[in-house]
N, C-alpha and C. Protein backbone atom coordinates (compact mmCIF):
# COMPACT_ATOMS: atom_id res chain seq x y z
N MET A 1 64.51 -50.86 -79.59
CA MET A 1 63.34 -50.26 -78.99
C MET A 1 63.37 -48.75 -79.21
N THR A 2 62.20 -48.19 -79.43
CA THR A 2 62.14 -46.74 -79.63
C THR A 2 62.02 -46.06 -78.27
N GLU A 3 62.20 -44.74 -78.31
CA GLU A 3 62.12 -43.97 -77.07
C GLU A 3 60.72 -44.06 -76.47
N THR A 4 59.69 -44.05 -77.32
CA THR A 4 58.31 -44.15 -76.84
C THR A 4 58.08 -45.48 -76.16
N GLU A 5 58.62 -46.57 -76.73
CA GLU A 5 58.46 -47.88 -76.10
C GLU A 5 59.18 -47.93 -74.77
N ASN A 6 60.37 -47.33 -74.68
CA ASN A 6 61.09 -47.28 -73.41
C ASN A 6 60.30 -46.53 -72.35
N ASN A 7 59.73 -45.39 -72.73
CA ASN A 7 58.93 -44.62 -71.78
C ASN A 7 57.71 -45.41 -71.34
N HIS A 8 57.09 -46.13 -72.29
CA HIS A 8 55.91 -46.92 -71.95
C HIS A 8 56.28 -48.03 -70.98
N GLU A 9 57.41 -48.68 -71.20
CA GLU A 9 57.83 -49.76 -70.32
C GLU A 9 58.14 -49.23 -68.93
N SER A 10 58.75 -48.06 -68.83
CA SER A 10 59.14 -47.54 -67.51
C SER A 10 57.93 -47.08 -66.71
N THR A 11 56.82 -46.78 -67.38
CA THR A 11 55.64 -46.33 -66.66
C THR A 11 54.57 -47.41 -66.57
N GLU A 12 54.89 -48.62 -67.03
CA GLU A 12 53.92 -49.71 -67.00
C GLU A 12 53.53 -49.98 -65.54
N GLY A 13 52.24 -50.10 -65.31
CA GLY A 13 51.76 -50.35 -63.97
C GLY A 13 51.55 -49.06 -63.17
N ARG A 14 51.95 -47.94 -63.73
CA ARG A 14 51.77 -46.65 -63.06
C ARG A 14 50.66 -45.89 -63.78
N VAL A 15 50.00 -45.02 -63.07
CA VAL A 15 48.93 -44.22 -63.65
C VAL A 15 49.52 -42.90 -64.11
N SER A 16 49.22 -42.51 -65.33
CA SER A 16 49.72 -41.23 -65.84
C SER A 16 48.95 -40.08 -65.17
N ARG A 17 49.53 -38.90 -65.23
CA ARG A 17 48.86 -37.73 -64.67
C ARG A 17 47.50 -37.51 -65.33
N ARG A 18 47.46 -37.67 -66.63
CA ARG A 18 46.21 -37.46 -67.37
C ARG A 18 45.14 -38.44 -66.89
N ASP A 19 45.51 -39.72 -66.76
CA ASP A 19 44.55 -40.72 -66.29
C ASP A 19 44.13 -40.43 -64.84
N PHE A 20 45.09 -40.02 -64.02
CA PHE A 20 44.78 -39.70 -62.63
C PHE A 20 43.75 -38.58 -62.55
N LEU A 21 43.94 -37.51 -63.34
CA LEU A 21 43.00 -36.40 -63.34
C LEU A 21 41.63 -36.84 -63.86
N LYS A 22 41.64 -37.70 -64.88
CA LYS A 22 40.39 -38.20 -65.44
C LYS A 22 39.64 -39.01 -64.38
N TYR A 23 40.33 -39.92 -63.70
CA TYR A 23 39.70 -40.74 -62.68
C TYR A 23 39.24 -39.88 -61.50
N SER A 24 40.06 -38.91 -61.10
CA SER A 24 39.70 -38.03 -59.98
C SER A 24 38.44 -37.24 -60.30
N ALA A 25 38.34 -36.73 -61.52
CA ALA A 25 37.14 -35.98 -61.92
C ALA A 25 35.92 -36.88 -61.88
N GLY A 26 36.07 -38.12 -62.32
CA GLY A 26 34.96 -39.06 -62.29
C GLY A 26 34.52 -39.37 -60.86
N VAL A 27 35.48 -39.59 -59.98
CA VAL A 27 35.17 -39.88 -58.58
C VAL A 27 34.49 -38.67 -57.94
N ALA A 28 35.00 -37.47 -58.22
CA ALA A 28 34.40 -36.26 -57.66
C ALA A 28 32.96 -36.10 -58.13
N ALA A 29 32.70 -36.40 -59.39
CA ALA A 29 31.34 -36.30 -59.93
C ALA A 29 30.42 -37.30 -59.23
N VAL A 30 30.90 -38.52 -59.02
CA VAL A 30 30.10 -39.54 -58.35
C VAL A 30 29.82 -39.13 -56.91
N ILE A 31 30.84 -38.64 -56.22
CA ILE A 31 30.67 -38.25 -54.82
C ILE A 31 29.70 -37.09 -54.70
N SER A 32 29.83 -36.08 -55.56
CA SER A 32 28.93 -34.94 -55.46
C SER A 32 27.50 -35.35 -55.79
N GLY A 33 27.32 -36.26 -56.73
CA GLY A 33 25.98 -36.76 -57.03
C GLY A 33 25.42 -37.57 -55.88
N ALA A 34 26.27 -38.38 -55.27
CA ALA A 34 25.83 -39.21 -54.15
C ALA A 34 25.49 -38.35 -52.94
N SER A 35 26.26 -37.29 -52.71
CA SER A 35 25.97 -36.45 -51.55
C SER A 35 24.64 -35.74 -51.73
N GLY A 36 24.29 -35.40 -52.97
CA GLY A 36 22.98 -34.81 -53.23
C GLY A 36 21.86 -35.77 -52.90
N LEU A 37 22.04 -37.03 -53.26
CA LEU A 37 21.04 -38.04 -52.95
C LEU A 37 20.98 -38.33 -51.46
N LEU A 38 22.14 -38.44 -50.84
CA LEU A 38 22.18 -38.75 -49.41
C LEU A 38 21.63 -37.61 -48.57
N GLY A 39 21.79 -36.39 -49.07
CA GLY A 39 21.28 -35.25 -48.33
C GLY A 39 19.76 -35.25 -48.23
N LYS A 40 19.07 -35.96 -49.12
CA LYS A 40 17.61 -36.00 -49.12
C LYS A 40 17.06 -37.13 -48.25
N ILE A 41 17.91 -38.02 -47.77
CA ILE A 41 17.47 -39.13 -46.93
C ILE A 41 17.37 -38.62 -45.50
N PRO A 42 16.18 -38.74 -44.87
CA PRO A 42 16.07 -38.26 -43.49
C PRO A 42 16.89 -39.12 -42.54
N LEU A 43 17.54 -38.48 -41.59
CA LEU A 43 18.33 -39.20 -40.60
C LEU A 43 17.44 -39.62 -39.45
N PRO A 44 17.66 -40.81 -38.89
CA PRO A 44 16.87 -41.22 -37.73
C PRO A 44 17.25 -40.35 -36.53
N PRO A 45 16.29 -40.10 -35.64
CA PRO A 45 16.61 -39.27 -34.47
C PRO A 45 17.63 -39.96 -33.58
N SER A 46 18.51 -39.18 -33.02
CA SER A 46 19.54 -39.71 -32.13
C SER A 46 19.00 -39.77 -30.71
N PRO A 47 19.06 -40.94 -30.05
CA PRO A 47 18.51 -41.04 -28.71
C PRO A 47 19.31 -40.23 -27.68
N THR A 48 20.60 -40.14 -27.84
CA THR A 48 21.43 -39.36 -26.92
C THR A 48 22.37 -38.48 -27.72
N ALA A 49 22.67 -37.34 -27.17
CA ALA A 49 23.59 -36.42 -27.85
C ALA A 49 25.02 -36.88 -27.63
N SER A 50 25.78 -36.88 -28.68
CA SER A 50 27.19 -37.25 -28.60
C SER A 50 28.03 -35.98 -28.59
N PRO A 51 29.08 -35.88 -27.77
CA PRO A 51 29.87 -34.65 -27.72
C PRO A 51 30.61 -34.36 -29.01
N THR A 52 30.78 -35.35 -29.89
CA THR A 52 31.50 -35.11 -31.13
C THR A 52 30.55 -34.84 -32.30
N ARG A 53 29.28 -34.74 -32.03
CA ARG A 53 28.30 -34.55 -33.09
C ARG A 53 27.80 -33.11 -33.09
N ILE A 54 27.66 -32.53 -34.28
CA ILE A 54 27.14 -31.17 -34.40
C ILE A 54 25.64 -31.20 -34.21
N SER A 55 25.12 -30.18 -33.59
CA SER A 55 23.68 -30.05 -33.47
C SER A 55 23.08 -29.96 -34.87
N GLN A 56 21.99 -30.68 -35.12
CA GLN A 56 21.35 -30.64 -36.42
C GLN A 56 20.67 -29.29 -36.66
N THR A 57 20.38 -28.57 -35.60
CA THR A 57 19.77 -27.26 -35.72
C THR A 57 20.78 -26.21 -35.30
N PRO A 58 21.29 -25.42 -36.25
CA PRO A 58 22.25 -24.39 -35.89
C PRO A 58 21.58 -23.32 -35.04
N PRO A 59 22.36 -22.49 -34.31
CA PRO A 59 21.79 -21.46 -33.45
C PRO A 59 20.80 -20.57 -34.20
N ASN A 60 21.11 -20.21 -35.40
CA ASN A 60 20.20 -19.47 -36.27
C ASN A 60 20.16 -20.26 -37.57
N PRO A 61 19.05 -20.95 -37.87
CA PRO A 61 19.04 -21.85 -39.02
C PRO A 61 19.49 -21.22 -40.33
N SER A 62 19.37 -19.91 -40.47
CA SER A 62 19.73 -19.30 -41.74
C SER A 62 21.12 -18.66 -41.72
N ILE A 63 21.84 -18.74 -40.63
CA ILE A 63 23.12 -18.03 -40.51
C ILE A 63 24.14 -18.48 -41.56
N GLU A 64 24.10 -19.75 -41.96
CA GLU A 64 25.07 -20.25 -42.94
C GLU A 64 24.75 -19.81 -44.36
N GLU A 65 23.50 -19.47 -44.64
CA GLU A 65 23.11 -19.19 -46.01
C GLU A 65 22.60 -17.78 -46.24
N VAL A 66 22.56 -16.97 -45.22
CA VAL A 66 22.03 -15.62 -45.36
C VAL A 66 22.94 -14.77 -46.25
N THR A 67 22.34 -13.90 -47.05
CA THR A 67 23.12 -13.05 -47.94
C THR A 67 23.35 -11.69 -47.29
N ILE A 68 24.29 -10.93 -47.84
CA ILE A 68 24.56 -9.58 -47.35
C ILE A 68 23.31 -8.72 -47.49
N ALA A 69 22.60 -8.86 -48.61
CA ALA A 69 21.38 -8.08 -48.83
C ALA A 69 20.33 -8.40 -47.76
N GLN A 70 20.20 -9.67 -47.39
CA GLN A 70 19.24 -10.05 -46.35
C GLN A 70 19.66 -9.49 -45.00
N LEU A 71 20.96 -9.53 -44.71
CA LEU A 71 21.44 -8.94 -43.45
C LEU A 71 21.17 -7.44 -43.43
N GLU A 72 21.44 -6.76 -44.54
CA GLU A 72 21.20 -5.32 -44.62
C GLU A 72 19.72 -5.01 -44.41
N ALA A 73 18.84 -5.83 -44.97
CA ALA A 73 17.40 -5.63 -44.78
C ALA A 73 17.02 -5.78 -43.31
N GLN A 74 17.62 -6.76 -42.64
CA GLN A 74 17.35 -6.95 -41.21
C GLN A 74 17.91 -5.80 -40.38
N PHE A 75 19.08 -5.30 -40.77
CA PHE A 75 19.63 -4.12 -40.09
C PHE A 75 18.67 -2.94 -40.24
N ALA A 76 18.19 -2.71 -41.47
CA ALA A 76 17.30 -1.58 -41.76
C ALA A 76 15.97 -1.71 -41.01
N ALA A 77 15.48 -2.95 -40.86
CA ALA A 77 14.22 -3.18 -40.15
C ALA A 77 14.39 -3.11 -38.64
N GLY A 78 15.62 -3.10 -38.18
CA GLY A 78 15.87 -3.05 -36.74
C GLY A 78 15.76 -4.40 -36.06
N THR A 79 15.70 -5.48 -36.84
CA THR A 79 15.58 -6.82 -36.26
C THR A 79 16.94 -7.48 -36.04
N LEU A 80 18.00 -6.81 -36.47
CA LEU A 80 19.35 -7.35 -36.33
C LEU A 80 20.31 -6.23 -35.98
N THR A 81 21.26 -6.53 -35.11
CA THR A 81 22.32 -5.58 -34.78
C THR A 81 23.66 -6.25 -35.06
N ALA A 82 24.69 -5.44 -35.19
CA ALA A 82 26.03 -5.99 -35.40
C ALA A 82 26.43 -6.86 -34.21
N THR A 83 26.04 -6.43 -33.01
CA THR A 83 26.38 -7.20 -31.80
C THR A 83 25.71 -8.57 -31.82
N SER A 84 24.43 -8.62 -32.18
CA SER A 84 23.75 -9.92 -32.21
C SER A 84 24.31 -10.80 -33.33
N LEU A 85 24.71 -10.19 -34.45
CA LEU A 85 25.29 -10.96 -35.54
C LEU A 85 26.64 -11.57 -35.13
N VAL A 86 27.47 -10.78 -34.45
CA VAL A 86 28.75 -11.29 -33.95
C VAL A 86 28.50 -12.44 -32.98
N ASN A 87 27.52 -12.29 -32.10
CA ASN A 87 27.21 -13.36 -31.14
C ASN A 87 26.74 -14.63 -31.85
N MET A 88 25.93 -14.48 -32.91
CA MET A 88 25.48 -15.66 -33.66
C MET A 88 26.66 -16.39 -34.29
N TYR A 89 27.57 -15.62 -34.90
CA TYR A 89 28.73 -16.25 -35.53
C TYR A 89 29.66 -16.88 -34.49
N LYS A 90 29.83 -16.21 -33.35
CA LYS A 90 30.68 -16.78 -32.30
C LYS A 90 30.08 -18.09 -31.78
N THR A 91 28.77 -18.14 -31.66
CA THR A 91 28.10 -19.37 -31.23
C THR A 91 28.31 -20.49 -32.24
N ARG A 92 28.18 -20.15 -33.52
CA ARG A 92 28.36 -21.17 -34.56
C ARG A 92 29.81 -21.65 -34.62
N ILE A 93 30.75 -20.72 -34.52
CA ILE A 93 32.17 -21.09 -34.50
C ILE A 93 32.46 -21.98 -33.30
N GLY A 94 31.88 -21.64 -32.15
CA GLY A 94 32.06 -22.46 -30.96
C GLY A 94 31.51 -23.86 -31.14
N ALA A 95 30.37 -23.97 -31.82
CA ALA A 95 29.76 -25.29 -32.04
C ALA A 95 30.60 -26.16 -32.97
N LEU A 96 31.34 -25.54 -33.87
CA LEU A 96 32.13 -26.32 -34.83
C LEU A 96 33.60 -26.46 -34.44
N ASP A 97 34.13 -25.48 -33.72
CA ASP A 97 35.57 -25.48 -33.43
C ASP A 97 35.92 -25.83 -31.98
N GLN A 98 35.18 -25.30 -31.02
CA GLN A 98 35.53 -25.58 -29.63
C GLN A 98 34.83 -26.82 -29.09
N SER A 99 33.71 -27.20 -29.68
CA SER A 99 33.01 -28.43 -29.30
C SER A 99 32.58 -29.10 -30.59
N GLY A 100 31.75 -30.10 -30.52
CA GLY A 100 31.35 -30.80 -31.73
C GLY A 100 32.54 -31.46 -32.40
N PRO A 101 32.67 -31.30 -33.71
CA PRO A 101 33.75 -32.00 -34.42
C PRO A 101 35.14 -31.38 -34.23
N ARG A 102 35.21 -30.22 -33.59
CA ARG A 102 36.49 -29.53 -33.35
C ARG A 102 37.30 -29.40 -34.65
N LEU A 103 36.72 -28.70 -35.61
CA LEU A 103 37.35 -28.54 -36.91
C LEU A 103 38.64 -27.73 -36.88
N ASN A 104 38.77 -26.86 -35.90
CA ASN A 104 39.95 -25.98 -35.80
C ASN A 104 40.11 -25.15 -37.08
N SER A 105 38.99 -24.71 -37.63
CA SER A 105 39.01 -23.92 -38.86
C SER A 105 39.24 -22.44 -38.59
N ILE A 106 38.92 -21.99 -37.39
CA ILE A 106 39.12 -20.59 -37.02
C ILE A 106 40.21 -20.58 -35.95
N LEU A 107 41.36 -19.99 -36.28
CA LEU A 107 42.48 -19.99 -35.35
C LEU A 107 42.24 -19.08 -34.16
N GLN A 108 41.64 -17.92 -34.41
CA GLN A 108 41.39 -16.98 -33.32
C GLN A 108 40.25 -16.05 -33.70
N ILE A 109 39.56 -15.58 -32.67
CA ILE A 109 38.50 -14.60 -32.84
C ILE A 109 39.00 -13.30 -32.23
N ASN A 110 38.76 -12.21 -32.91
CA ASN A 110 39.21 -10.92 -32.41
C ASN A 110 38.60 -10.68 -31.03
N PRO A 111 39.43 -10.51 -30.00
CA PRO A 111 38.89 -10.29 -28.65
C PRO A 111 38.09 -8.98 -28.56
N ASP A 112 38.28 -8.08 -29.50
CA ASP A 112 37.56 -6.81 -29.51
C ASP A 112 36.31 -6.85 -30.39
N ALA A 113 35.93 -8.01 -30.90
CA ALA A 113 34.82 -8.11 -31.85
C ALA A 113 33.52 -7.53 -31.30
N LEU A 114 33.17 -7.87 -30.07
CA LEU A 114 31.92 -7.35 -29.50
C LEU A 114 32.00 -5.85 -29.25
N THR A 115 33.14 -5.36 -28.82
CA THR A 115 33.31 -3.92 -28.60
C THR A 115 33.17 -3.17 -29.92
N ILE A 116 33.80 -3.69 -30.96
CA ILE A 116 33.70 -3.07 -32.29
C ILE A 116 32.25 -3.11 -32.77
N ALA A 117 31.57 -4.24 -32.57
CA ALA A 117 30.17 -4.37 -32.99
C ALA A 117 29.29 -3.36 -32.27
N ARG A 118 29.50 -3.17 -30.97
CA ARG A 118 28.71 -2.18 -30.22
C ARG A 118 28.95 -0.77 -30.76
N GLN A 119 30.20 -0.47 -31.10
CA GLN A 119 30.51 0.85 -31.67
C GLN A 119 29.81 1.03 -33.02
N LEU A 120 29.78 -0.02 -33.82
CA LEU A 120 29.10 0.05 -35.12
C LEU A 120 27.59 0.21 -34.94
N ASP A 121 27.03 -0.46 -33.92
CA ASP A 121 25.60 -0.33 -33.65
C ASP A 121 25.23 1.09 -33.23
N ALA A 122 26.15 1.80 -32.59
CA ALA A 122 25.89 3.16 -32.13
C ALA A 122 25.92 4.18 -33.27
N GLN A 123 26.51 3.81 -34.41
CA GLN A 123 26.58 4.73 -35.54
C GLN A 123 25.23 4.84 -36.23
N THR A 124 25.04 5.96 -36.91
CA THR A 124 23.79 6.18 -37.65
C THR A 124 24.08 6.31 -39.14
N PRO A 125 23.08 6.02 -39.98
CA PRO A 125 23.28 6.13 -41.44
C PRO A 125 23.60 7.58 -41.82
N PRO A 126 24.19 7.79 -42.96
CA PRO A 126 24.55 6.82 -43.99
C PRO A 126 25.82 6.05 -43.62
N PHE A 127 25.84 4.78 -44.00
CA PHE A 127 26.99 3.94 -43.73
C PHE A 127 27.90 3.92 -44.95
N PRO A 128 29.20 3.69 -44.75
CA PRO A 128 30.15 3.78 -45.86
C PRO A 128 30.04 2.69 -46.93
N GLY A 129 29.39 1.59 -46.65
CA GLY A 129 29.30 0.53 -47.65
C GLY A 129 28.47 -0.63 -47.16
N LEU A 130 28.23 -1.59 -48.05
CA LEU A 130 27.37 -2.73 -47.72
C LEU A 130 27.98 -3.66 -46.68
N LEU A 131 29.29 -3.70 -46.56
CA LEU A 131 29.91 -4.60 -45.58
C LEU A 131 30.06 -3.96 -44.20
N HIS A 132 29.61 -2.73 -44.06
CA HIS A 132 29.65 -2.06 -42.76
C HIS A 132 28.75 -2.85 -41.81
N ARG A 133 29.26 -3.24 -40.66
CA ARG A 133 28.58 -4.03 -39.62
C ARG A 133 28.59 -5.53 -39.91
N ILE A 134 29.21 -5.98 -41.00
CA ILE A 134 29.25 -7.40 -41.33
C ILE A 134 30.58 -7.99 -40.86
N PRO A 135 30.57 -9.00 -39.98
CA PRO A 135 31.82 -9.64 -39.56
C PRO A 135 32.45 -10.40 -40.74
N VAL A 136 33.76 -10.38 -40.82
CA VAL A 136 34.46 -11.11 -41.88
C VAL A 136 35.55 -11.98 -41.28
N LEU A 137 35.89 -13.04 -41.98
CA LEU A 137 37.01 -13.91 -41.60
C LEU A 137 38.17 -13.60 -42.53
N LEU A 138 39.37 -13.52 -41.96
CA LEU A 138 40.56 -13.28 -42.75
C LEU A 138 41.51 -14.45 -42.61
N LYS A 139 42.18 -14.77 -43.70
CA LYS A 139 43.20 -15.80 -43.68
C LYS A 139 44.35 -15.35 -42.78
N ASP A 140 45.10 -16.29 -42.27
CA ASP A 140 46.16 -16.01 -41.31
C ASP A 140 47.40 -15.36 -41.94
N ASN A 141 47.28 -14.82 -43.14
CA ASN A 141 48.42 -14.10 -43.71
C ASN A 141 48.05 -12.66 -44.03
N ILE A 142 46.95 -12.18 -43.46
CA ILE A 142 46.52 -10.80 -43.64
C ILE A 142 46.76 -10.05 -42.33
N ASP A 143 47.69 -9.10 -42.36
CA ASP A 143 47.99 -8.31 -41.15
C ASP A 143 46.83 -7.38 -40.81
N THR A 144 46.47 -7.37 -39.54
CA THR A 144 45.51 -6.39 -39.03
C THR A 144 46.17 -5.74 -37.83
N HIS A 145 46.13 -4.43 -37.80
CA HIS A 145 46.80 -3.69 -36.73
C HIS A 145 45.89 -3.65 -35.50
N ASP A 146 45.78 -4.80 -34.83
CA ASP A 146 44.98 -4.93 -33.62
C ASP A 146 45.59 -6.04 -32.77
N GLN A 147 44.79 -6.67 -31.92
CA GLN A 147 45.33 -7.70 -31.04
C GLN A 147 45.49 -9.06 -31.72
N MET A 148 45.06 -9.19 -32.95
CA MET A 148 45.12 -10.47 -33.66
C MET A 148 46.56 -10.79 -34.06
N GLN A 149 46.90 -12.08 -33.98
CA GLN A 149 48.22 -12.56 -34.39
C GLN A 149 48.16 -12.99 -35.85
N THR A 150 49.12 -12.55 -36.64
CA THR A 150 49.22 -12.98 -38.03
C THR A 150 50.54 -13.72 -38.17
N THR A 151 50.46 -15.03 -38.40
CA THR A 151 51.69 -15.82 -38.50
C THR A 151 51.92 -16.41 -39.88
N ALA A 152 50.90 -16.43 -40.72
CA ALA A 152 50.99 -17.07 -42.04
C ALA A 152 51.49 -18.51 -41.90
N GLY A 153 51.16 -19.14 -40.77
CA GLY A 153 51.56 -20.52 -40.55
C GLY A 153 53.01 -20.71 -40.15
N SER A 154 53.70 -19.63 -39.82
CA SER A 154 55.12 -19.71 -39.49
C SER A 154 55.36 -19.44 -38.01
N LEU A 155 56.07 -20.33 -37.35
CA LEU A 155 56.39 -20.11 -35.94
C LEU A 155 57.29 -18.90 -35.75
N ALA A 156 58.03 -18.52 -36.78
CA ALA A 156 58.93 -17.37 -36.68
C ALA A 156 58.16 -16.07 -36.49
N LEU A 157 56.89 -16.03 -36.88
CA LEU A 157 56.11 -14.80 -36.77
C LEU A 157 55.22 -14.75 -35.53
N VAL A 158 55.23 -15.79 -34.71
CA VAL A 158 54.42 -15.80 -33.50
C VAL A 158 54.87 -14.67 -32.59
N GLY A 159 53.91 -13.85 -32.17
CA GLY A 159 54.22 -12.75 -31.27
C GLY A 159 54.69 -11.48 -31.95
N ALA A 160 54.89 -11.51 -33.26
CA ALA A 160 55.33 -10.30 -33.98
C ALA A 160 54.10 -9.46 -34.30
N PRO A 161 54.00 -8.25 -33.74
CA PRO A 161 52.82 -7.42 -34.00
C PRO A 161 52.83 -6.85 -35.42
N ALA A 162 51.64 -6.66 -35.95
CA ALA A 162 51.52 -6.04 -37.28
C ALA A 162 51.80 -4.55 -37.14
N GLN A 163 52.59 -4.00 -38.04
CA GLN A 163 52.93 -2.58 -38.00
C GLN A 163 51.79 -1.72 -38.53
N GLN A 164 50.96 -2.30 -39.42
CA GLN A 164 49.84 -1.57 -40.01
C GLN A 164 48.84 -2.57 -40.57
N ASP A 165 47.65 -2.08 -40.90
CA ASP A 165 46.67 -2.94 -41.58
C ASP A 165 47.12 -3.23 -42.99
N SER A 166 46.79 -4.41 -43.47
CA SER A 166 47.12 -4.75 -44.86
C SER A 166 46.24 -3.98 -45.81
C-alpha cells in the first residue's frame, strides 16, 4: 500500500477540512438566503406579551441603523442631545440584556455615562471630531481610566483598576 492509500484509509468516514469548509459555506449561503426570505414574511400578532420576547418596535425604530452623519445632523438641528442618545441606547441595551432574551452582550454600562453626556451637551462648537457626543462600546480588554472594570475575561483581573486609558 502507498502512503496516500494509508492516509485515505485512516480518514475514511471522516470529513476533511476542505470538505467541511465547503459544506459550511454552502450551509451559510442557504441560511442567509432563507433568512432574507423569512424576514419578508409578516409575523402574526402576539395575543400576549412574553417576558422572553423582544418588543417588535424598538424604543427608537431607527436607533439600530442610524449613521454617524444622521446623528450629527440631528445634533446640529437641535433635535438630539448626547443625553437623550445615551438614554435611547441604555433603553435598547436593557430590552436585550436585562429583559427580553437576556443576551448578556453588554457586561457593564459606564455609571458616569449620563454625567459625561450632560457635560458634552453643555459644550459648544467647534467640536473635536465626528464621534464627539457619540456613545461607543468597547471590548472587555480595552482599559479605560474610569469606574469601568477591564478583565479581558480573566478572573485574575477582577477589581484591578486601570492605570491609564488605552
